[in-house]
Protein backbone atom coordinates (compact mmCIF):
# COMPACT_ATOMS: atom_id res chain seq x y z
CA MET A 1 22.06 -17.08 -15.36
CA LEU A 2 20.73 -13.58 -16.08
CA LYS A 3 21.66 -13.87 -19.74
CA ASP A 4 19.79 -17.17 -19.87
CA ILE A 5 16.70 -15.63 -18.26
CA GLN A 6 16.81 -12.79 -20.79
CA SER A 7 17.08 -15.28 -23.64
CA LEU A 8 14.13 -17.28 -22.27
CA ILE A 9 12.07 -14.10 -21.99
CA LYS A 10 12.91 -13.30 -25.62
CA LEU A 11 11.89 -16.82 -26.63
CA PHE A 12 8.55 -16.72 -24.82
CA THR A 13 7.39 -13.12 -25.27
CA PRO A 14 6.24 -13.34 -28.92
CA HIS A 15 4.07 -16.36 -28.03
CA CYS A 16 2.39 -14.93 -24.92
CA SER A 17 -0.79 -12.87 -25.02
CA ASP A 18 0.13 -11.06 -21.78
CA LYS A 19 3.59 -9.60 -22.28
CA GLU A 20 3.47 -6.87 -19.62
CA THR A 21 5.25 -8.52 -16.70
CA LEU A 22 7.61 -10.46 -19.00
CA GLU A 23 8.72 -7.16 -20.48
CA ARG A 24 9.03 -5.53 -17.05
CA LEU A 25 11.15 -8.46 -15.92
CA GLY A 26 13.38 -8.12 -18.98
CA ARG A 27 13.91 -4.41 -18.35
CA MET A 28 14.58 -5.02 -14.67
CA ILE A 29 17.31 -7.57 -15.41
CA GLU A 30 19.12 -4.95 -17.49
CA ASP A 31 18.98 -2.36 -14.67
CA ARG A 32 20.75 -3.66 -11.58
CA GLY A 33 19.58 -0.64 -9.58
CA SER A 34 15.98 -1.78 -10.05
CA TRP A 35 16.52 -5.25 -8.61
CA PRO A 36 15.31 -4.32 -5.10
CA LYS A 37 11.93 -3.64 -6.74
CA ALA A 38 11.78 -7.29 -7.82
CA ARG A 39 9.74 -8.06 -4.69
CA ASN A 40 7.03 -5.66 -5.91
CA LEU A 41 7.19 -7.19 -9.38
CA PHE A 42 6.82 -10.65 -7.83
CA ASN A 43 3.70 -9.46 -5.98
CA ASP A 44 2.20 -8.17 -9.24
CA ILE A 45 2.98 -11.45 -11.00
CA ARG A 46 1.63 -13.49 -8.08
CA ALA A 47 -1.70 -11.69 -8.33
CA LYS A 48 -1.86 -12.68 -12.01
CA THR A 49 -0.93 -16.28 -11.15
CA LEU A 50 -3.77 -16.56 -8.65
CA LYS A 51 -6.28 -15.14 -11.15
CA ALA A 52 -5.06 -17.57 -13.84
CA GLU A 53 -5.41 -20.48 -11.39
CA ARG A 54 -8.97 -19.45 -10.51
CA ARG A 55 -10.04 -19.29 -14.15
CA GLY A 56 -8.22 -22.52 -15.06
CA ASP A 57 -5.88 -20.84 -17.54
CA HIS A 58 -2.96 -23.29 -17.45
CA GLY A 59 -1.01 -21.47 -20.14
CA ALA A 60 -1.03 -18.15 -18.29
CA GLU A 61 -0.36 -19.95 -15.01
CA ALA A 62 2.76 -21.61 -16.45
CA GLN A 63 4.01 -18.26 -17.77
CA TYR A 64 3.47 -16.49 -14.47
CA LEU A 65 5.12 -19.26 -12.44
CA PHE A 66 8.21 -18.84 -14.63
CA GLU A 67 8.07 -15.07 -14.13
CA GLU A 68 7.65 -15.50 -10.36
CA VAL A 69 10.84 -17.51 -9.93
CA CYS A 70 12.77 -15.09 -12.11
CA ALA A 71 11.59 -12.11 -10.03
CA LYS A 72 12.40 -13.96 -6.80
CA THR A 73 15.87 -14.80 -8.12
CA LEU A 74 16.53 -11.17 -8.99
CA TYR A 75 15.47 -10.09 -5.53
CA ASN A 76 17.70 -12.69 -3.89
CA LEU A 77 20.68 -11.41 -5.90
CA THR A 78 20.36 -8.07 -4.08
CA MET A 79 21.32 -9.76 -0.79
CA LEU A 80 18.65 -7.66 0.95
CA PRO A 81 16.86 -8.90 4.07
CA ALA A 82 14.03 -11.40 3.82
CA PRO A 83 15.17 -13.27 0.72
CA TYR A 84 13.05 -15.88 -0.96
CA ASP A 85 13.94 -19.57 -0.55
CA PRO A 86 17.52 -20.31 -1.59
CA ASP A 87 16.36 -22.98 -4.06
CA THR A 88 14.44 -20.40 -6.11
CA PRO A 89 16.85 -20.28 -9.09
CA TYR A 90 16.63 -24.04 -9.45
CA TRP A 91 12.97 -23.67 -10.45
CA ILE A 92 13.73 -21.48 -13.47
CA VAL A 93 14.49 -24.37 -15.83
CA PRO A 94 11.55 -26.64 -14.92
CA ASN A 95 9.19 -23.66 -15.10
CA ALA A 96 10.68 -22.58 -18.45
CA LEU A 97 10.10 -26.09 -19.78
CA GLY A 98 6.50 -25.83 -18.56
CA VAL A 99 6.02 -22.58 -20.46
CA ALA A 100 7.54 -24.12 -23.59
CA ARG A 101 5.15 -27.07 -23.29
CA VAL A 102 2.00 -24.92 -23.08
CA LEU A 103 3.25 -22.66 -25.88
CA ARG A 104 3.96 -25.77 -27.99
CA LEU A 105 7.63 -24.86 -28.33
CA SER A 106 10.26 -27.54 -28.48
CA PRO A 107 11.87 -28.22 -25.11
CA MET A 108 15.15 -28.23 -27.04
CA GLU A 109 14.76 -24.47 -27.54
CA VAL A 110 14.91 -24.06 -23.75
CA ILE A 111 17.72 -26.58 -23.39
CA SER A 112 19.80 -24.84 -26.05
CA ILE A 113 19.53 -21.59 -24.09
CA ILE A 114 20.46 -23.00 -20.71
CA SER A 115 23.11 -25.50 -21.83
CA PRO A 116 26.66 -24.20 -21.85
CA PRO A 117 28.36 -24.38 -25.23
CA GLU A 118 30.66 -27.36 -25.61
């Protein structure tokens, strides 16, 4: 799952105007010791999501919703108290497809990342 998230981040980053939290998320995935800080990263992303919602920026909103579930998933993997909802990882794919849609990327690019090789 983490490899897939990294690959999705690499797919989306060149197409996003705001790369800051995507890049932070990518670095955090690579550093297991930083995962407990994923709650703080989620809070930073959430603030961006709310601002995007208020200004009607659906593209940024889709990106941040994807980032939010990835940060929540990382935090849940730490097994620390007060985890996010257990269904959090299941939202990664639908949110990734939403990002692909607003970035005008083929949904097949997302599917090829998350589908196991045959």
